[in-house]
C-alpha atoms as a PDB file:
ATOM      1  CA  MET A   1       6.945 -34.789  -8.869  1.00  0.00           C
ATOM      2  CA  PRO A   2       6.707 -32.424 -11.939  1.00  0.00           C
ATOM      3  CA  SER A   3       8.644 -28.802 -10.942  1.00  0.00           C
ATOM      4  CA  LYS A   4       6.103 -25.604 -11.928  1.00  0.00           C
ATOM      5  CA  GLN A   5       7.976 -23.362 -14.453  1.00  0.00           C
ATOM      6  CA  THR A   6       7.940 -19.785 -13.801  1.00  0.00           C
ATOM      7  CA  SER A   7       6.328 -17.410 -16.520  1.00  0.00           C
ATOM      8  CA  PRO A   8       8.857 -15.106 -18.243  1.00  0.00           C
ATOM      9  CA  VAL A   9       7.015 -12.053 -17.354  1.00  0.00           C
ATOM     10  CA  VAL A  10       7.609 -13.387 -13.349  1.00  0.00           C
ATOM     11  CA  PHE A  11      11.396 -12.890 -14.074  1.00  0.00           C
ATOM     12  CA  VAL A  12      10.468  -9.561 -15.636  1.00  0.00           C
ATOM     13  CA  VAL A  13       8.682  -8.391 -13.390  1.00  0.00           C
ATOM     14  CA  LEU A  14      11.091  -9.691 -10.642  1.00  0.00           C
ATOM     15  CA  ALA A  15      14.338  -7.620 -12.511  1.00  0.00           C
ATOM     16  CA  LEU A  16      11.650  -4.650 -12.576  1.00  0.00           C
ATOM     17  CA  VAL A  17      12.156  -4.858  -8.999  1.00  0.00           C
ATOM     18  CA  VAL A  18      15.292  -5.407  -7.862  1.00  0.00           C
ATOM     19  CA  LEU A  19      16.766  -3.145 -10.810  1.00  0.00           C
ATOM     20  CA  PHE A  20      13.626  -0.342  -9.283  1.00  0.00           C
ATOM     21  CA  VAL A  21      14.788  -1.848  -5.889  1.00  0.00           C
ATOM     22  CA  LEU A  22      18.321  -1.406  -5.875  1.00  0.00           C
ATOM     23  CA  ALA A  23      18.700   2.189  -8.169  1.00  0.00           C
ATOM     24  CA  ALA A  24      16.338   3.979  -6.662  1.00  0.00           C
ATOM     25  CA  LEU A  25      16.445   4.008  -3.446  1.00  0.00           C
ATOM     26  CA  PRO A  26      19.249   5.327  -1.671  1.00  0.00           C
ATOM     27  CA  LEU A  27      20.389   3.639   1.390  1.00  0.00           C
ATOM     28  CA  ALA A  28      19.270   7.418   2.789  1.00  0.00           C
ATOM     29  CA  SER A  29      15.990   7.148   1.886  1.00  0.00           C
ATOM     30  CA  ARG A  30      15.318   3.022   3.227  1.00  0.00           C
ATOM     31  CA  CYS A  31      16.044   4.210   6.364  1.00  0.00           C
ATOM     32  CA  ALA A  32      13.799   7.170   6.528  1.00  0.00           C
ATOM     33  CA  ALA A  33      10.708   4.854   5.407  1.00  0.00           C
ATOM     34  CA  GLU A  34      11.844   2.580   7.601  1.00  0.00           C
ATOM     35  CA  ASN A  35      11.951   3.728  11.256  1.00  0.00           C
ATOM     36  CA  ALA A  36      14.576   7.087  11.541  1.00  0.00           C
ATOM     37  CA  ALA A  37      12.919  10.572  11.431  1.00  0.00           C
ATOM     38  CA  PRO A  38      12.291  12.655   8.299  1.00  0.00           C
ATOM     39  CA  LEU A  39      15.062  13.900   6.648  1.00  0.00           C
ATOM     40  CA  GLY A  40      15.883  17.744   6.432  1.00  0.00           C
ATOM     41  CA  PRO A  41      14.139  20.285   8.253  1.00  0.00           C
ATOM     42  CA  PRO A  42      10.562  20.422   9.389  1.00  0.00           C
ATOM     43  CA  ARG A  43       8.183  22.936   6.886  1.00  0.00           C
ATOM     44  CA  SER A  44       9.107  26.437   7.301  1.00  0.00           C
ATOM     45  CA  HIS A  45       5.373  27.832   6.727  1.00  0.00           C
ATOM     46  CA  GLY A  46       2.577  27.924   8.745  1.00  0.00           C
ATOM     47  CA  SER A  47       2.125  27.768  12.880  1.00  0.00           C
ATOM     48  CA  SER A  48       4.379  24.781  14.490  1.00  0.00           C
ATOM     49  CA  ASN A  49       0.968  23.262  15.551  1.00  0.00           C
ATOM     50  CA  GLU A  50      -0.006  23.582  12.098  1.00  0.00           C
ATOM     51  CA  GLN A  51       3.373  21.757  11.132  1.00  0.00           C
ATOM     52  CA  GLU A  52       2.825  19.446  13.237  1.00  0.00           C
ATOM     53  CA  LYS A  53      -0.774  18.541  12.292  1.00  0.00           C
ATOM     54  CA  GLU A  54       0.623  18.332   8.584  1.00  0.00           C
ATOM     55  CA  GLN A  55       3.617  16.164   9.145  1.00  0.00           C
ATOM     56  CA  ASN A  56       0.933  13.366  11.069  1.00  0.00           C
ATOM     57  CA  MET A  57      -1.265  13.811   8.984  1.00  0.00           C
ATOM     58  CA  THR A  58      -1.199  10.472   6.043  1.00  0.00           C
ATOM     59  CA  ILE A  59      -3.323   9.895   2.830  1.00  0.00           C
ATOM     60  CA  THR A  60      -5.403   6.561   2.739  1.00  0.00           C
ATOM     61  CA  VAL A  61      -6.522   5.540  -1.001  1.00  0.00           C
ATOM     62  CA  ASN A  62      -9.048   2.544  -1.257  1.00  0.00           C
ATOM     63  CA  LEU A  63      -8.710   1.421  -4.523  1.00  0.00           C
ATOM     64  CA  ARG A  64     -11.767  -1.924  -5.917  1.00  0.00           C
ATOM     65  CA  TYR A  65     -10.624  -3.773  -8.768  1.00  0.00           C
ATOM     66  CA  THR A  66     -13.354  -5.104 -10.521  1.00  0.00           C
ATOM     67  CA  GLY A  67     -13.275  -7.877 -12.930  1.00  0.00           C
ATOM     68  CA  LYS A  68     -14.869 -10.956 -14.365  1.00  0.00           C
ATOM     69  CA  ASN A  69     -13.932 -14.939 -14.017  1.00  0.00           C
ATOM     70  CA  GLY A  70     -11.420 -14.496 -10.331  1.00  0.00           C
ATOM     71  CA  ALA A  71      -9.828 -11.665 -12.272  1.00  0.00           C
ATOM     72  CA  ALA A  72      -9.296  -9.439  -9.588  1.00  0.00           C
ATOM     73  CA  ARG A  73      -7.281 -12.011  -7.046  1.00  0.00           C
ATOM     74  CA  LYS A  74      -5.423 -13.278  -9.634  1.00  0.00           C
ATOM     75  CA  PHE A  75      -4.623  -9.485 -10.186  1.00  0.00           C
ATOM     76  CA  ALA A  76      -3.676  -9.686  -6.722  1.00  0.00           C
ATOM     77  CA  GLU A  77      -1.760 -12.537  -6.643  1.00  0.00           C
ATOM     78  CA  GLU A  78       0.554 -11.732  -9.411  1.00  0.00           C
ATOM     79  CA  MET A  79       1.217  -8.595  -7.429  1.00  0.00           C
ATOM     80  CA  THR A  80       2.329 -10.504  -4.535  1.00  0.00           C
ATOM     81  CA  SER A  81       3.794 -13.101  -6.000  1.00  0.00           C
ATOM     82  CA  GLY A  82       5.986 -11.118  -8.772  1.00  0.00           C
ATOM     83  CA  GLY A  83       7.287  -9.301  -6.268  1.00  0.00           C
ATOM     84  CA  THR A  84       5.761  -5.614  -7.160  1.00  0.00           C
ATOM     85  CA  LEU A  85       3.850  -5.033  -3.800  1.00  0.00           C
ATOM     86  CA  ALA A  86       7.146  -6.187  -2.107  1.00  0.00           C
ATOM     87  CA  ALA A  87       8.655  -2.980  -3.886  1.00  0.00           C
ATOM     88  CA  ILE A  88       5.480  -1.048  -3.279  1.00  0.00           C
ATOM     89  CA  ARG A  89       5.685  -1.535   0.190  1.00  0.00           C
ATOM     90  CA  ALA A  90       9.962  -0.667   0.439  1.00  0.00           C
ATOM     91  CA  GLU A  91       9.094   2.700  -1.650  1.00  0.00           C
ATOM     92  CA  PRO A  92       9.758   5.727   0.973  1.00  0.00           C
ATOM     93  CA  GLY A  93       6.766   7.101   2.626  1.00  0.00           C
ATOM     94  CA  ASN A  94       5.093   3.986   1.975  1.00  0.00           C
ATOM     95  CA  LEU A  95       2.848   3.126   5.592  1.00  0.00           C
ATOM     96  CA  ARG A  96       0.613   0.545   4.334  1.00  0.00           C
ATOM     97  CA  TYR A  97      -0.396  -1.684   0.763  1.00  0.00           C
ATOM     98  CA  GLU A  98      -2.833  -4.730   1.651  1.00  0.00           C
ATOM     99  CA  TYR A  99      -5.630  -6.438  -0.426  1.00  0.00           C
ATOM    100  CA  TYR A 100      -8.539  -8.204   0.678  1.00  0.00           C
ATOM    101  CA  GLN A 101     -10.988  -9.664  -1.108  1.00  0.00           C
ATOM    102  CA  SER A 102     -15.041  -8.581  -0.738  1.00  0.00           C
ATOM    103  CA  LEU A 103     -17.236 -10.828   1.291  1.00  0.00           C
ATOM    104  CA  GLU A 104     -20.164  -9.607  -0.851  1.00  0.00           C
ATOM    105  CA  ASP A 105     -18.879  -9.170  -4.552  1.00  0.00           C
ATOM    106  CA  PRO A 106     -16.061 -12.348  -5.046  1.00  0.00           C
ATOM    107  CA  GLU A 107     -15.082 -10.254  -8.150  1.00  0.00           C
ATOM    108  CA  THR A 108     -13.903  -7.489  -6.458  1.00  0.00           C
ATOM    109  CA  VAL A 109     -10.688  -6.739  -4.660  1.00  0.00           C
ATOM    110  CA  LEU A 110     -10.005  -3.357  -2.254  1.00  0.00           C
ATOM    111  CA  LEU A 111      -6.613  -2.214  -1.790  1.00  0.00           C
ATOM    112  CA  ILE A 112      -5.926  -0.242   0.921  1.00  0.00           C
ATOM    113  CA  ASP A 113      -2.794   2.237   0.102  1.00  0.00           C
ATOM    114  CA  SER A 114      -1.502   4.687   2.933  1.00  0.00           C
ATOM    115  CA  TRP A 115       1.206   7.266   2.404  1.00  0.00           C
ATOM    116  CA  THR A 116       2.797   9.425   4.621  1.00  0.00           C
ATOM    117  CA  ASP A 117       1.963  12.709   2.178  1.00  0.00           C
ATOM    118  CA  GLN A 118       1.447  13.590  -1.494  1.00  0.00           C
ATOM    119  CA  ALA A 119       5.188  13.812  -2.085  1.00  0.00           C
ATOM    120  CA  ALA A 120       5.431  10.247  -1.160  1.00  0.00           C
ATOM    121  CA  ILE A 121       2.600   9.413  -3.339  1.00  0.00           C
ATOM    122  CA  ASP A 122       3.588  11.660  -6.114  1.00  0.00           C
ATOM    123  CA  ALA A 123       7.028   9.623  -6.050  1.00  0.00           C
ATOM    124  CA  HIS A 124       5.001   6.096  -6.526  1.00  0.00           C
ATOM    125  CA  HIS A 125       2.949   7.537  -9.335  1.00  0.00           C
ATOM    126  CA  ALA A 126       6.454   8.355 -11.166  1.00  0.00           C
ATOM    127  CA  SER A 127       7.875   4.915 -10.535  1.00  0.00           C
ATOM    128  CA  PRO A 128       8.813   2.379 -12.871  1.00  0.00           C
ATOM    129  CA  MET A 129       5.735   0.246 -10.701  1.00  0.00           C
ATOM    130  CA  MET A 130       3.401   2.187 -11.929  1.00  0.00           C
ATOM    131  CA  ALA A 131       4.631   0.764 -15.224  1.00  0.00           C
ATOM    132  CA  VAL A 132       4.176  -2.860 -14.077  1.00  0.00           C
ATOM    133  CA  ILE A 133       0.451  -2.410 -12.148  1.00  0.00           C
ATOM    134  CA  ALA A 134      -1.060  -0.569 -15.253  1.00  0.00           C
ATOM    135  CA  ALA A 135       0.464  -3.957 -17.460  1.00  0.00           C
ATOM    136  CA  LEU A 136      -1.420  -5.940 -14.815  1.00  0.00           C
ATOM    137  CA  ARG A 137      -4.910  -4.406 -15.012  1.00  0.00           C
ATOM    138  CA  GLU A 138      -4.651  -4.216 -18.553  1.00  0.00           C
ATOM    139  CA  LYS A 139      -3.593  -8.054 -18.799  1.00  0.00           C
ATOM    140  CA  TYR A 140      -6.900  -9.123 -16.314  1.00  0.00           C
ATOM    141  CA  ASP A 141      -9.234  -6.335 -17.675  1.00  0.00           C
ATOM    142  CA  LEU A 142     -10.315  -4.300 -14.781  1.00  0.00           C
ATOM    143  CA  ARG A 143     -11.916  -1.519 -13.681  1.00  0.00           C
ATOM    144  CA  VAL A 144     -10.993   0.618 -10.756  1.00  0.00           C
ATOM    145  CA  THR A 145     -12.901   3.098  -8.511  1.00  0.00           C
ATOM    146  CA  ALA A 146     -10.788   4.765  -6.029  1.00  0.00           C
ATOM    147  CA  GLU A 147     -11.941   6.692  -2.604  1.00  0.00           C
ATOM    148  CA  ARG A 148      -9.261   9.425  -0.709  1.00  0.00           C
ATOM    149  CA  PHE A 149      -8.595   9.941   2.719  1.00  0.00           C
ATOM    150  CA  THR A 150      -6.520  11.970   4.924  1.00  0.00           C
ATOM    151  CA  SER A 151      -6.265  10.813   8.709  1.00  0.00           C
ATOM    152  CA  ALA A 152      -7.706  12.234  11.500  1.00  0.00           C
ATOM    153  CA  GLU A 153      -7.332  12.191  15.039  1.00  0.00           C
ATOM    154  CA  MET A 154     -10.277  10.315  15.859  1.00  0.00           C
ATOM    155  CA  PRO A 155     -12.160  12.116  18.609  1.00  0.00           C
ATOM    156  CA  LYS A 156     -12.696  10.981  22.409  1.00  0.00           C
ATOM    157  CA  SER A 157     -16.972  10.478  21.662  1.00  0.00           C
ATOM    158  CA  ASP A 158     -15.854   7.821  19.790  1.00  0.00           C
ATOM    159  CA  GLU A 159     -12.530   6.001  21.476  1.00  0.00           C
ATOM    160  CA  LYS A 160     -15.607   3.805  23.562  1.00  0.00           C
ATOM    161  CA  PHE A 161     -16.054   1.836  20.273  1.00  0.00           C
ATOM    162  CA  ILE A 162     -12.662   1.413  19.012  1.00  0.00           C
ATOM    163  CA  LYS A 163     -10.645  -1.659  20.727  1.00  0.00           C
ATOM    164  CA  THR A 164      -6.885  -1.579  20.054  1.00  0.00           C
ATOM    165  CA  ASP A 165      -5.395  -3.871  22.539  1.00  0.00           C
ATOM    166  CA  ALA A 166      -5.131  -7.387  22.068  1.00  0.00           C
ATOM    167  CA  PHE A 167      -8.136  -9.730  21.900  1.00  0.00           C
ATOM    168  CA  SER A 168      -9.185 -10.621  25.066  1.00  0.00           C
ATOM    169  CA  ARG A 169     -11.215 -13.788  26.048  1.00  0.00           C
ATOM    170  CA  ASN A 170     -14.275 -13.435  27.684  1.00  0.00           C
ATOM    171  CA  GLU A 171     -16.116 -15.547  30.672  1.00  0.00           C
ATOM    172  CA  THR A 172     -15.987 -19.386  28.443  1.00  0.00           C
ATOM    173  CA  GLY A 173     -12.177 -18.652  27.401  1.00  0.00           C
ATOM    174  CA  HIS A 174     -13.522 -17.913  23.849  1.00  0.00           C
ATOM    175  CA  HIS A 175     -11.892 -15.233  21.817  1.00  0.00           C
END
């Protein structure tokens, strides 16, 4: 069986990812990103109730990448296979970084990108990952649109429309 040769670009991207992860993410930051309590004292401005709401506020950005001839999907696949996706997920403050294929437009891929706060987004934007992302967007000639959301507590009136427990079987035994 012939072996597939890996593109030199993949090695460059992987090298950048490894250097970034080892150099820019000290152990304390990785631990904080994984489960530990936030490092440092709580913010001192505002009431404790305001501080609690601000600390629980997440920022989610939905980015739609659109191209031609499957370029958006190829972009997402290269972000994944090249290790960039894993490196971004390891950044302090990243909560979610997931690509989805549109059912209505096969030339569009949606990225759901969630962060603990604006400081985490600012650090991500200043990271070497942004150069990798920009180069791949250019390579695949993608257009990008963005929507930004901040979290809010779900009103009690909406809870009846949301099922958060595991899938359950109906009377016929199907999921």
